[in-house]
C-alpha cells in the first residue's frame, strides 16, 4: 500500500524522503506517483517526519457550521451551548447540531445582563423572574428592568404598566399634540409615560375628555383612561398646583417656573386669592381642576 507523508516545514523547501516523490499536497511513494517506479515503501533509514492522518471533517468546517462532530464526521453549527452566541438562539440542540431557542435560564447565564430565559430568548427579566431588577419591576413587554418603582399613583412618571398601582397603566401622553417623551426610533413607543387610571370612575382633575386609542408602555391596548386636557396642561402642572409651588422670580410672577421645564403648560398666578403667586394652569371646565381650585377666569383657582 502506498505511504503518504507530510512535510513539517514548507513543502517547497523540504525535500521528500528517499523512496518518495512530491505529490500535489504531500510526499508520496514512487509507486503511487504514476512515473512507472515500482517502489512501494520508503527506504530503510529514511523514515518520514509524520504520517498523515485525515483531519476531522477533512478540515472543511467553516462559516455557519464551524464545528466538527467527530462521531459522524459532520460539520455542525454547535457542539455545546457556549458555541451559540445569539441570545435569541442560546441553546445547542446536540441531536441536530443547531442553535435554537432557550428553554431554561441556566442556558442564559453566560450572557452578561440577559440571564433570564423568557419565551425562548435570553432577556434581562420577566414577570416570573424579576430578581435582576429589584426593587423595581420588570416591563413585561420589553423584558427590561424599569427605572421606576412599583405602586405609583395617577399622573406619576413611569416606563412600564408594572410601575402603576392597581387599575392604572403607564400611558404615553401628549401636550398640544406633541409626544411628551418621544423615542429616538420613529416607530418605537415613547420612552416614558404617566400612570393613568382605567375609566370609569374618574375624579377631578382627571375628568377631561378620556384618553383612548393608545398602547401602553407594556403593550396593553383598548383602554379608556382618565386624563388631563392635553391641549392646555400636563401632569407636572397639576402636581405643582396641588403642591402649592411658589413661582415669583425677582418679585414678579414667572410662568416658566411652573409645570414641565420645557413647555408652556403652567401659569404663575394668585391662587384662591393667595397673597403670593403660586403655580396653576389653564382650564376650560371645572372637571379639569382639583375640586378645591375652581376653574375661574381661565385658570384653576382663579378669582371669583
C-alpha atoms as a PDB file:
ATOM      1  CA  UNK A   1       0.000   0.000   0.000  1.00  0.00           C
ATOM      2  CA  UNK A   2       1.276   3.456  -0.873  1.00  0.00           C
ATOM      3  CA  UNK A   3       2.515   5.537   2.064  1.00  0.00           C
ATOM      4  CA  UNK A   4       1.778   9.260   2.280  1.00  0.00           C
ATOM      5  CA  UNK A   5       3.900  11.567   4.435  1.00  0.00           C
ATOM      6  CA  UNK A   6       3.526  15.192   5.423  1.00  0.00           C
ATOM      7  CA  UNK A   7       6.356  17.757   5.294  1.00  0.00           C
ATOM      8  CA  UNK A   8       6.589  19.668   8.577  1.00  0.00           C
ATOM      9  CA  UNK A   9       8.091  22.800   7.030  1.00  0.00           C
ATOM     10  CA  UNK A  10       7.031  24.452   3.803  1.00  0.00           C
ATOM     11  CA  UNK A  11       6.910  21.640   1.288  1.00  0.00           C
ATOM     12  CA  UNK A  12       8.556  23.717  -1.386  1.00  0.00           C
ATOM     13  CA  UNK A  13      11.666  23.954   0.822  1.00  0.00           C
ATOM     14  CA  UNK A  14      11.617  20.478   2.375  1.00  0.00           C
ATOM     15  CA  UNK A  15      12.986  17.577   0.297  1.00  0.00           C
ATOM     16  CA  UNK A  16      10.942  14.394   0.255  1.00  0.00           C
ATOM     17  CA  UNK A  17      12.424  11.311   1.939  1.00  0.00           C
ATOM     18  CA  UNK A  18      14.215   8.696  -0.138  1.00  0.00           C
ATOM     19  CA  UNK A  19      11.824   6.443  -1.991  1.00  0.00           C
ATOM     20  CA  UNK A  20       9.144   9.127  -2.319  1.00  0.00           C
ATOM     21  CA  UNK A  21       8.327  11.830  -4.808  1.00  0.00           C
ATOM     22  CA  UNK A  22       6.414  15.056  -4.487  1.00  0.00           C
ATOM     23  CA  UNK A  23       2.651  14.874  -4.874  1.00  0.00           C
ATOM     24  CA  UNK A  24       0.166  17.775  -5.112  1.00  0.00           C
ATOM     25  CA  UNK A  25      -0.037  18.250  -1.343  1.00  0.00           C
ATOM     26  CA  UNK A  26       2.491  15.882   0.238  1.00  0.00           C
ATOM     27  CA  UNK A  27       5.306  13.414  -0.413  1.00  0.00           C
ATOM     28  CA  UNK A  28       4.038  10.076  -1.739  1.00  0.00           C
ATOM     29  CA  UNK A  29       5.703   6.785  -2.595  1.00  0.00           C
ATOM     30  CA  UNK A  30       7.072   6.380  -6.060  1.00  0.00           C
ATOM     31  CA  UNK A  31       4.662   3.509  -6.663  1.00  0.00           C
ATOM     32  CA  UNK A  32       1.798   5.979  -6.212  1.00  0.00           C
ATOM     33  CA  UNK A  33       3.328   8.729  -8.320  1.00  0.00           C
ATOM     34  CA  UNK A  34       2.409   7.411 -11.730  1.00  0.00           C
ATOM     35  CA  UNK A  35       6.017   7.626 -13.031  1.00  0.00           C
ATOM     36  CA  UNK A  36       6.423   3.861 -13.536  1.00  0.00           C
ATOM     37  CA  UNK A  37       8.601   3.238 -10.466  1.00  0.00           C
ATOM     38  CA  UNK A  38       7.714   0.113  -8.526  1.00  0.00           C
ATOM     39  CA  UNK A  39       8.948   1.031  -5.032  1.00  0.00           C
ATOM     40  CA  UNK A  40       6.121   0.510  -2.556  1.00  0.00           C
ATOM     41  CA  UNK A  41       7.750   1.816   0.583  1.00  0.00           C
ATOM     42  CA  UNK A  42      10.216   4.310   1.926  1.00  0.00           C
ATOM     43  CA  UNK A  43      13.794   3.037   2.075  1.00  0.00           C
ATOM     44  CA  UNK A  44      15.192   1.956   5.438  1.00  0.00           C
ATOM     45  CA  UNK A  45      16.755   4.826   7.350  1.00  0.00           C
ATOM     46  CA  UNK A  46      14.585   7.393   5.609  1.00  0.00           C
ATOM     47  CA  UNK A  47      11.574   7.344   7.992  1.00  0.00           C
ATOM     48  CA  UNK A  48       9.243  10.287   7.140  1.00  0.00           C
ATOM     49  CA  UNK A  49       8.723  13.099   9.647  1.00  0.00           C
ATOM     50  CA  UNK A  50       4.987  12.461  10.270  1.00  0.00           C
ATOM     51  CA  UNK A  51       2.426  10.051   8.903  1.00  0.00           C
ATOM     52  CA  UNK A  52      -0.545  11.982   7.509  1.00  0.00           C
ATOM     53  CA  UNK A  53      -3.915  11.257   9.181  1.00  0.00           C
ATOM     54  CA  UNK A  54      -7.199  12.678   7.841  1.00  0.00           C
ATOM     55  CA  UNK A  55      -8.302  15.837   9.694  1.00  0.00           C
ATOM     56  CA  UNK A  56     -11.746  15.730  11.377  1.00  0.00           C
ATOM     57  CA  UNK A  57     -14.349  16.512   8.706  1.00  0.00           C
ATOM     58  CA  UNK A  58     -11.320  16.843   6.381  1.00  0.00           C
ATOM     59  CA  UNK A  59     -10.699  20.267   7.952  1.00  0.00           C
ATOM     60  CA  UNK A  60     -13.600  21.650   5.923  1.00  0.00           C
ATOM     61  CA  UNK A  61     -15.823  23.147   8.695  1.00  0.00           C
ATOM     62  CA  UNK A  62     -16.351  26.917   8.474  1.00  0.00           C
ATOM     63  CA  UNK A  63     -18.997  29.595   8.073  1.00  0.00           C
ATOM     64  CA  UNK A  64     -22.373  28.686   9.600  1.00  0.00           C
ATOM     65  CA  UNK A  65     -21.162  25.182  10.518  1.00  0.00           C
ATOM     66  CA  UNK A  66     -17.687  25.776  12.020  1.00  0.00           C
ATOM     67  CA  UNK A  67     -17.597  22.785  14.382  1.00  0.00           C
ATOM     68  CA  UNK A  68     -16.828  19.156  13.535  1.00  0.00           C
ATOM     69  CA  UNK A  69     -18.938  16.467  15.196  1.00  0.00           C
ATOM     70  CA  UNK A  70     -16.379  13.692  15.130  1.00  0.00           C
ATOM     71  CA  UNK A  71     -18.875  10.936  15.980  1.00  0.00           C
ATOM     72  CA  UNK A  72     -20.160  11.078  12.415  1.00  0.00           C
ATOM     73  CA  UNK A  73     -17.572  13.400  10.833  1.00  0.00           C
ATOM     74  CA  UNK A  74     -20.181  16.120  10.168  1.00  0.00           C
ATOM     75  CA  UNK A  75     -19.820  19.905  10.207  1.00  0.00           C
ATOM     76  CA  UNK A  76     -22.409  21.471  12.529  1.00  0.00           C
ATOM     77  CA  UNK A  77     -23.290  24.884  13.973  1.00  0.00           C
ATOM     78  CA  UNK A  78     -22.644  23.843  17.571  1.00  0.00           C
ATOM     79  CA  UNK A  79     -21.479  21.045  19.828  1.00  0.00           C
ATOM     80  CA  UNK A  80     -22.391  22.653  23.195  1.00  0.00           C
ATOM     81  CA  UNK A  81     -24.390  25.681  24.375  1.00  0.00           C
ATOM     82  CA  UNK A  82     -21.390  28.078  24.525  1.00  0.00           C
ATOM     83  CA  UNK A  83     -20.972  27.620  20.762  1.00  0.00           C
ATOM     84  CA  UNK A  84     -24.279  29.530  20.372  1.00  0.00           C
ATOM     85  CA  UNK A  85     -23.636  33.285  20.706  1.00  0.00           C
ATOM     86  CA  UNK A  86     -27.073  34.751  19.848  1.00  0.00           C
ATOM     87  CA  UNK A  87     -29.312  35.453  22.885  1.00  0.00           C
ATOM     88  CA  UNK A  88     -32.333  34.565  20.749  1.00  0.00           C
ATOM     89  CA  UNK A  89     -30.808  31.148  19.883  1.00  0.00           C
ATOM     90  CA  UNK A  90     -28.863  30.301  23.015  1.00  0.00           C
ATOM     91  CA  UNK A  91     -29.290  26.508  23.298  1.00  0.00           C
ATOM     92  CA  UNK A  92     -27.440  23.863  21.286  1.00  0.00           C
ATOM     93  CA  UNK A  93     -29.662  21.078  20.008  1.00  0.00           C
ATOM     94  CA  UNK A  94     -26.991  18.401  20.052  1.00  0.00           C
ATOM     95  CA  UNK A  95     -29.115  15.979  18.012  1.00  0.00           C
ATOM     96  CA  UNK A  96     -29.131  18.259  15.008  1.00  0.00           C
ATOM     97  CA  UNK A  97     -26.074  20.307  15.890  1.00  0.00           C
ATOM     98  CA  UNK A  98     -28.027  23.546  15.541  1.00  0.00           C
ATOM     99  CA  UNK A  99     -28.576  26.582  17.786  1.00  0.00           C
ATOM    100  CA  UNK A 100     -32.166  27.015  18.912  1.00  0.00           C
ATOM    101  CA  UNK A 101     -34.272  28.902  21.461  1.00  0.00           C
ATOM    102  CA  UNK A 102     -33.576  28.569  25.169  1.00  0.00           C
ATOM    103  CA  UNK A 103     -35.868  26.593  27.471  1.00  0.00           C
ATOM    104  CA  UNK A 104     -34.147  27.249  30.802  1.00  0.00           C
ATOM    105  CA  UNK A 105     -32.433  30.274  32.362  1.00  0.00           C
ATOM    106  CA  UNK A 106     -29.333  28.142  33.014  1.00  0.00           C
ATOM    107  CA  UNK A 107     -28.682  28.377  29.266  1.00  0.00           C
ATOM    108  CA  UNK A 108     -28.558  32.184  29.546  1.00  0.00           C
ATOM    109  CA  UNK A 109     -26.218  32.622  32.495  1.00  0.00           C
ATOM    110  CA  UNK A 110     -23.189  33.140  30.244  1.00  0.00           C
ATOM    111  CA  UNK A 111     -24.750  36.290  28.708  1.00  0.00           C
ATOM    112  CA  UNK A 112     -23.992  39.378  30.792  1.00  0.00           C
ATOM    113  CA  UNK A 113     -27.185  41.329  31.513  1.00  0.00           C
ATOM    114  CA  UNK A 114     -29.582  38.861  29.852  1.00  0.00           C
ATOM    115  CA  UNK A 115     -29.579  35.906  32.218  1.00  0.00           C
ATOM    116  CA  UNK A 116     -33.302  35.047  32.158  1.00  0.00           C
ATOM    117  CA  UNK A 117     -34.950  32.731  29.600  1.00  0.00           C
ATOM    118  CA  UNK A 118     -38.388  34.026  28.600  1.00  0.00           C
ATOM    119  CA  UNK A 119     -40.384  32.995  25.528  1.00  0.00           C
ATOM    120  CA  UNK A 120     -37.322  31.260  24.086  1.00  0.00           C
ATOM    121  CA  UNK A 121     -34.912  34.198  24.314  1.00  0.00           C
ATOM    122  CA  UNK A 122     -32.355  35.320  26.884  1.00  0.00           C
ATOM    123  CA  UNK A 123     -33.583  38.633  28.320  1.00  0.00           C
ATOM    124  CA  UNK A 124     -32.908  40.969  31.228  1.00  0.00           C
ATOM    125  CA  UNK A 125     -36.007  39.973  33.205  1.00  0.00           C
ATOM    126  CA  UNK A 126     -39.521  38.535  33.094  1.00  0.00           C
ATOM    127  CA  UNK A 127     -42.617  38.740  35.265  1.00  0.00           C
ATOM    128  CA  UNK A 128     -41.750  35.268  36.544  1.00  0.00           C
ATOM    129  CA  UNK A 129     -38.139  36.270  37.293  1.00  0.00           C
ATOM    130  CA  UNK A 130     -37.627  39.960  38.039  1.00  0.00           C
ATOM    131  CA  UNK A 131     -34.853  39.325  40.558  1.00  0.00           C
ATOM    132  CA  UNK A 132     -32.304  41.223  38.459  1.00  0.00           C
ATOM    133  CA  UNK A 133     -34.478  44.358  38.684  1.00  0.00           C
ATOM    134  CA  UNK A 134     -35.035  44.545  42.436  1.00  0.00           C
ATOM    135  CA  UNK A 135     -36.509  46.676  43.868  1.00  0.00           C
ATOM    136  CA  UNK A 136     -38.019  47.942  40.599  1.00  0.00           C
ATOM    137  CA  UNK A 137     -40.367  45.821  38.467  1.00  0.00           C
ATOM    138  CA  UNK A 138     -39.783  44.262  35.048  1.00  0.00           C
ATOM    139  CA  UNK A 139     -41.542  45.567  31.962  1.00  0.00           C
ATOM    140  CA  UNK A 140     -43.467  42.510  30.791  1.00  0.00           C
ATOM    141  CA  UNK A 141     -43.491  43.737  27.171  1.00  0.00           C
ATOM    142  CA  UNK A 142     -39.857  44.757  26.648  1.00  0.00           C
ATOM    143  CA  UNK A 143     -38.377  42.356  29.257  1.00  0.00           C
ATOM    144  CA  UNK A 144     -36.255  45.257  30.533  1.00  0.00           C
ATOM    145  CA  UNK A 145     -35.928  46.457  34.118  1.00  0.00           C
ATOM    146  CA  UNK A 146     -37.911  49.594  34.860  1.00  0.00           C
ATOM    147  CA  UNK A 147     -36.239  52.786  36.038  1.00  0.00           C
ATOM    148  CA  UNK A 148     -39.162  53.444  38.395  1.00  0.00           C
ATOM    149  CA  UNK A 149     -40.584  51.711  41.463  1.00  0.00           C
ATOM    150  CA  UNK A 150     -43.942  49.961  41.798  1.00  0.00           C
ATOM    151  CA  UNK A 151     -47.257  51.226  43.239  1.00  0.00           C
ATOM    152  CA  UNK A 152     -47.189  54.686  41.626  1.00  0.00           C
ATOM    153  CA  UNK A 153     -50.366  56.798  41.664  1.00  0.00           C
ATOM    154  CA  UNK A 154     -52.121  58.665  38.853  1.00  0.00           C
ATOM    155  CA  UNK A 155     -50.029  61.122  36.813  1.00  0.00           C
ATOM    156  CA  UNK A 156     -46.721  59.682  38.103  1.00  0.00           C
ATOM    157  CA  UNK A 157     -43.932  59.285  35.556  1.00  0.00           C
ATOM    158  CA  UNK A 158     -43.360  55.621  34.572  1.00  0.00           C
ATOM    159  CA  UNK A 159     -41.900  53.360  31.890  1.00  0.00           C
ATOM    160  CA  UNK A 160     -43.946  50.177  32.446  1.00  0.00           C
ATOM    161  CA  UNK A 161     -47.512  49.295  33.429  1.00  0.00           C
ATOM    162  CA  UNK A 162     -45.967  47.386  36.324  1.00  0.00           C
ATOM    163  CA  UNK A 163     -44.941  50.727  37.908  1.00  0.00           C
ATOM    164  CA  UNK A 164     -48.534  51.763  38.408  1.00  0.00           C
ATOM    165  CA  UNK A 165     -50.977  50.914  41.173  1.00  0.00           C
ATOM    166  CA  UNK A 166     -53.869  48.527  40.527  1.00  0.00           C
ATOM    167  CA  UNK A 167     -56.279  49.569  37.747  1.00  0.00           C
ATOM    168  CA  UNK A 168     -53.701  52.001  36.315  1.00  0.00           C
ATOM    169  CA  UNK A 169     -51.468  51.670  33.244  1.00  0.00           C
ATOM    170  CA  UNK A 170     -48.403  53.560  32.001  1.00  0.00           C
ATOM    171  CA  UNK A 171     -49.824  55.599  29.120  1.00  0.00           C
ATOM    172  CA  UNK A 172     -47.842  57.772  26.662  1.00  0.00           C
ATOM    173  CA  UNK A 173     -49.132  61.351  26.799  1.00  0.00           C
ATOM    174  CA  UNK A 174     -49.118  64.464  24.602  1.00  0.00           C
ATOM    175  CA  UNK A 175     -49.003  68.204  25.065  1.00  0.00           C
ATOM    176  CA  UNK A 176     -50.660  70.191  22.306  1.00  0.00           C
ATOM    177  CA  UNK A 177     -50.489  67.114  20.043  1.00  0.00           C
ATOM    178  CA  UNK A 178     -46.734  66.566  20.574  1.00  0.00           C
ATOM    179  CA  UNK A 179     -45.456  63.399  22.332  1.00  0.00           C
ATOM    180  CA  UNK A 180     -44.083  64.154  25.788  1.00  0.00           C
ATOM    181  CA  UNK A 181     -41.207  61.626  25.743  1.00  0.00           C
ATOM    182  CA  UNK A 182     -40.604  60.575  22.118  1.00  0.00           C
ATOM    183  CA  UNK A 183     -38.345  57.620  21.383  1.00  0.00           C
ATOM    184  CA  UNK A 184     -35.413  58.091  19.027  1.00  0.00           C
ATOM    185  CA  UNK A 185     -36.771  55.457  16.619  1.00  0.00           C
ATOM    186  CA  UNK A 186     -39.824  56.850  14.767  1.00  0.00           C
ATOM    187  CA  UNK A 187     -41.838  53.614  15.050  1.00  0.00           C
ATOM    188  CA  UNK A 188     -40.983  52.983  18.706  1.00  0.00           C
ATOM    189  CA  UNK A 189     -43.306  53.877  21.597  1.00  0.00           C
ATOM    190  CA  UNK A 190     -42.457  56.781  23.855  1.00  0.00           C
ATOM    191  CA  UNK A 191     -39.686  56.079  26.325  1.00  0.00           C
ATOM    192  CA  UNK A 192     -41.788  57.182  29.316  1.00  0.00           C
ATOM    193  CA  UNK A 193     -45.449  57.684  30.105  1.00  0.00           C
ATOM    194  CA  UNK A 194     -47.713  58.508  33.041  1.00  0.00           C
ATOM    195  CA  UNK A 195     -49.743  56.241  35.284  1.00  0.00           C
ATOM    196  CA  UNK A 196     -53.380  56.785  34.357  1.00  0.00           C
ATOM    197  CA  UNK A 197     -56.484  55.180  35.838  1.00  0.00           C
ATOM    198  CA  UNK A 198     -58.693  52.995  33.694  1.00  0.00           C
ATOM    199  CA  UNK A 199     -62.181  54.509  33.453  1.00  0.00           C
ATOM    200  CA  UNK A 200     -64.911  54.807  34.503  1.00  0.00           C
ATOM    201  CA  UNK A 201     -64.749  56.364  37.955  1.00  0.00           C
ATOM    202  CA  UNK A 202     -62.604  59.385  37.019  1.00  0.00           C
ATOM    203  CA  UNK A 203     -62.397  62.184  39.584  1.00  0.00           C
ATOM    204  CA  UNK A 204     -61.240  65.780  39.359  1.00  0.00           C
ATOM    205  CA  UNK A 205     -58.855  66.940  37.962  1.00  0.00           C
ATOM    206  CA  UNK A 206     -58.801  63.891  35.654  1.00  0.00           C
ATOM    207  CA  UNK A 207     -62.263  64.324  34.166  1.00  0.00           C
ATOM    208  CA  UNK A 208     -61.130  65.907  30.921  1.00  0.00           C
ATOM    209  CA  UNK A 209     -62.223  64.049  27.795  1.00  0.00           C
ATOM    210  CA  UNK A 210     -60.918  60.478  28.277  1.00  0.00           C
ATOM    211  CA  UNK A 211     -57.726  59.280  26.601  1.00  0.00           C
ATOM    212  CA  UNK A 212     -58.301  56.380  24.185  1.00  0.00           C
ATOM    213  CA  UNK A 213     -56.587  54.543  21.346  1.00  0.00           C
ATOM    214  CA  UNK A 214     -53.117  54.383  22.891  1.00  0.00           C
ATOM    215  CA  UNK A 215     -50.841  51.423  23.510  1.00  0.00           C
ATOM    216  CA  UNK A 216     -49.349  51.435  26.980  1.00  0.00           C
ATOM    217  CA  UNK A 217     -45.623  51.057  27.574  1.00  0.00           C
ATOM    218  CA  UNK A 218     -46.181  47.389  28.454  1.00  0.00           C
ATOM    219  CA  UNK A 219     -48.189  46.747  25.295  1.00  0.00           C
ATOM    220  CA  UNK A 220     -51.797  46.924  26.563  1.00  0.00           C
ATOM    221  CA  UNK A 221     -54.342  48.206  24.050  1.00  0.00           C
ATOM    222  CA  UNK A 222     -58.007  49.176  24.018  1.00  0.00           C
ATOM    223  CA  UNK A 223     -58.115  51.039  27.340  1.00  0.00           C
ATOM    224  CA  UNK A 224     -60.055  54.202  28.147  1.00  0.00           C
ATOM    225  CA  UNK A 225     -58.159  56.320  30.668  1.00  0.00           C
ATOM    226  CA  UNK A 226     -58.889  59.217  32.993  1.00  0.00           C
ATOM    227  CA  UNK A 227     -56.695  62.042  31.797  1.00  0.00           C
ATOM    228  CA  UNK A 228     -55.942  65.743  31.602  1.00  0.00           C
ATOM    229  CA  UNK A 229     -56.742  68.327  28.951  1.00  0.00           C
ATOM    230  CA  UNK A 230     -53.620  67.713  26.861  1.00  0.00           C
ATOM    231  CA  UNK A 231     -54.172  70.866  24.807  1.00  0.00           C
ATOM    232  CA  UNK A 232     -53.883  73.009  27.948  1.00  0.00           C
ATOM    233  CA  UNK A 233     -51.746  71.346  30.601  1.00  0.00           C
ATOM    234  CA  UNK A 234     -49.676  68.409  31.861  1.00  0.00           C
ATOM    235  CA  UNK A 235     -49.363  66.140  34.871  1.00  0.00           C
ATOM    236  CA  UNK A 236     -46.396  68.226  36.046  1.00  0.00           C
ATOM    237  CA  UNK A 237     -48.503  71.390  36.136  1.00  0.00           C
ATOM    238  CA  UNK A 238     -51.235  69.614  38.120  1.00  0.00           C
ATOM    239  CA  UNK A 239     -48.617  68.428  40.620  1.00  0.00           C
ATOM    240  CA  UNK A 240     -47.319  71.993  41.026  1.00  0.00           C
ATOM    241  CA  UNK A 241     -50.817  73.334  41.719  1.00  0.00           C
ATOM    242  CA  UNK A 242     -51.664  70.663  44.256  1.00  0.00           C
ATOM    243  CA  UNK A 243     -48.240  71.051  45.885  1.00  0.00           C
ATOM    244  CA  UNK A 244     -48.550  74.834  46.244  1.00  0.00           C
ATOM    245  CA  UNK A 245     -45.338  75.524  44.313  1.00  0.00           C
ATOM    246  CA  UNK A 246     -44.264  79.197  44.566  1.00  0.00           C
ATOM    247  CA  UNK A 247     -43.283  80.874  41.311  1.00  0.00           C
ATOM    248  CA  UNK A 248     -42.251  84.503  41.868  1.00  0.00           C
ATOM    249  CA  UNK A 249     -38.850  85.426  40.473  1.00  0.00           C
ATOM    250  CA  UNK A 250     -37.257  88.774  41.337  1.00  0.00           C
ATOM    251  CA  UNK A 251     -40.603  89.811  42.788  1.00  0.00           C
ATOM    252  CA  UNK A 252     -42.577  89.035  39.601  1.00  0.00           C
ATOM    253  CA  UNK A 253     -44.742  86.045  38.631  1.00  0.00           C
ATOM    254  CA  UNK A 254     -42.842  83.728  36.245  1.00  0.00           C
ATOM    255  CA  UNK A 255     -44.834  81.135  34.281  1.00  0.00           C
ATOM    256  CA  UNK A 256     -41.730  79.160  33.269  1.00  0.00           C
ATOM    257  CA  UNK A 257     -41.258  78.062  36.887  1.00  0.00           C
ATOM    258  CA  UNK A 258     -44.484  76.066  36.654  1.00  0.00           C
ATOM    259  CA  UNK A 259     -45.129  72.702  35.035  1.00  0.00           C
ATOM    260  CA  UNK A 260     -42.674  70.906  32.774  1.00  0.00           C
ATOM    261  CA  UNK A 261     -39.457  72.883  32.331  1.00  0.00           C
ATOM    262  CA  UNK A 262     -39.561  72.901  28.513  1.00  0.00           C
ATOM    263  CA  UNK A 263     -43.276  73.549  27.971  1.00  0.00           C
ATOM    264  CA  UNK A 264     -45.720  76.442  28.313  1.00  0.00           C
ATOM    265  CA  UNK A 265     -48.053  74.267  30.363  1.00  0.00           C
ATOM    266  CA  UNK A 266     -48.260  76.229  33.628  1.00  0.00           C
ATOM    267  CA  UNK A 267     -49.194  79.666  34.915  1.00  0.00           C
ATOM    268  CA  UNK A 268     -47.966  81.739  37.865  1.00  0.00           C
ATOM    269  CA  UNK A 269     -50.965  83.470  39.460  1.00  0.00           C
ATOM    270  CA  UNK A 270     -52.648  84.325  42.706  1.00  0.00           C
ATOM    271  CA  UNK A 271     -54.403  81.051  43.523  1.00  0.00           C
ATOM    272  CA  UNK A 272     -57.645  81.139  45.532  1.00  0.00           C
ATOM    273  CA  UNK A 273     -56.885  84.803  46.327  1.00  0.00           C
ATOM    274  CA  UNK A 274     -53.462  83.991  47.823  1.00  0.00           C
ATOM    275  CA  UNK A 275     -51.252  86.961  48.641  1.00  0.00           C
ATOM    276  CA  UNK A 276     -48.283  85.396  46.862  1.00  0.00           C
ATOM    277  CA  UNK A 277     -48.212  83.838  43.425  1.00  0.00           C
ATOM    278  CA  UNK A 278     -48.302  80.078  43.007  1.00  0.00           C
ATOM    279  CA  UNK A 279     -48.304  77.630  40.127  1.00  0.00           C
ATOM    280  CA  UNK A 280     -51.564  76.788  38.414  1.00  0.00           C
ATOM    281  CA  UNK A 281     -52.679  76.089  34.813  1.00  0.00           C
ATOM    282  CA  UNK A 282     -55.214  76.841  32.100  1.00  0.00           C
ATOM    283  CA  UNK A 283     -58.647  75.256  32.321  1.00  0.00           C
ATOM    284  CA  UNK A 284     -61.849  75.233  30.303  1.00  0.00           C
ATOM    285  CA  UNK A 285     -64.144  73.395  32.747  1.00  0.00           C
ATOM    286  CA  UNK A 286     -64.382  72.647  36.466  1.00  0.00           C
ATOM    287  CA  UNK A 287     -63.701  68.930  35.807  1.00  0.00           C
ATOM    288  CA  UNK A 288     -60.140  69.788  34.726  1.00  0.00           C
ATOM    289  CA  UNK A 289     -59.187  71.277  38.112  1.00  0.00           C
ATOM    290  CA  UNK A 290     -58.935  69.807  41.610  1.00  0.00           C
ATOM    291  CA  UNK A 291     -62.254  70.386  43.378  1.00  0.00           C
ATOM    292  CA  UNK A 292     -60.610  72.804  45.823  1.00  0.00           C
ATOM    293  CA  UNK A 293     -59.332  75.029  42.973  1.00  0.00           C
ATOM    294  CA  UNK A 294     -62.378  76.082  40.915  1.00  0.00           C
ATOM    295  CA  UNK A 295     -61.865  76.896  37.238  1.00  0.00           C
ATOM    296  CA  UNK A 296     -62.421  80.676  37.149  1.00  0.00           C
ATOM    297  CA  UNK A 297     -61.068  83.408  34.891  1.00  0.00           C
ATOM    298  CA  UNK A 298     -59.440  80.761  32.687  1.00  0.00           C
ATOM    299  CA  UNK A 299     -57.284  79.043  35.298  1.00  0.00           C
ATOM    300  CA  UNK A 300     -57.649  76.755  38.282  1.00  0.00           C
ATOM    301  CA  UNK A 301     -58.030  78.751  41.483  1.00  0.00           C
ATOM    302  CA  UNK A 302     -58.809  81.985  39.684  1.00  0.00           C
ATOM    303  CA  UNK A 303     -60.608  84.883  41.373  1.00  0.00           C
ATOM    304  CA  UNK A 304     -64.376  84.681  41.774  1.00  0.00           C
END
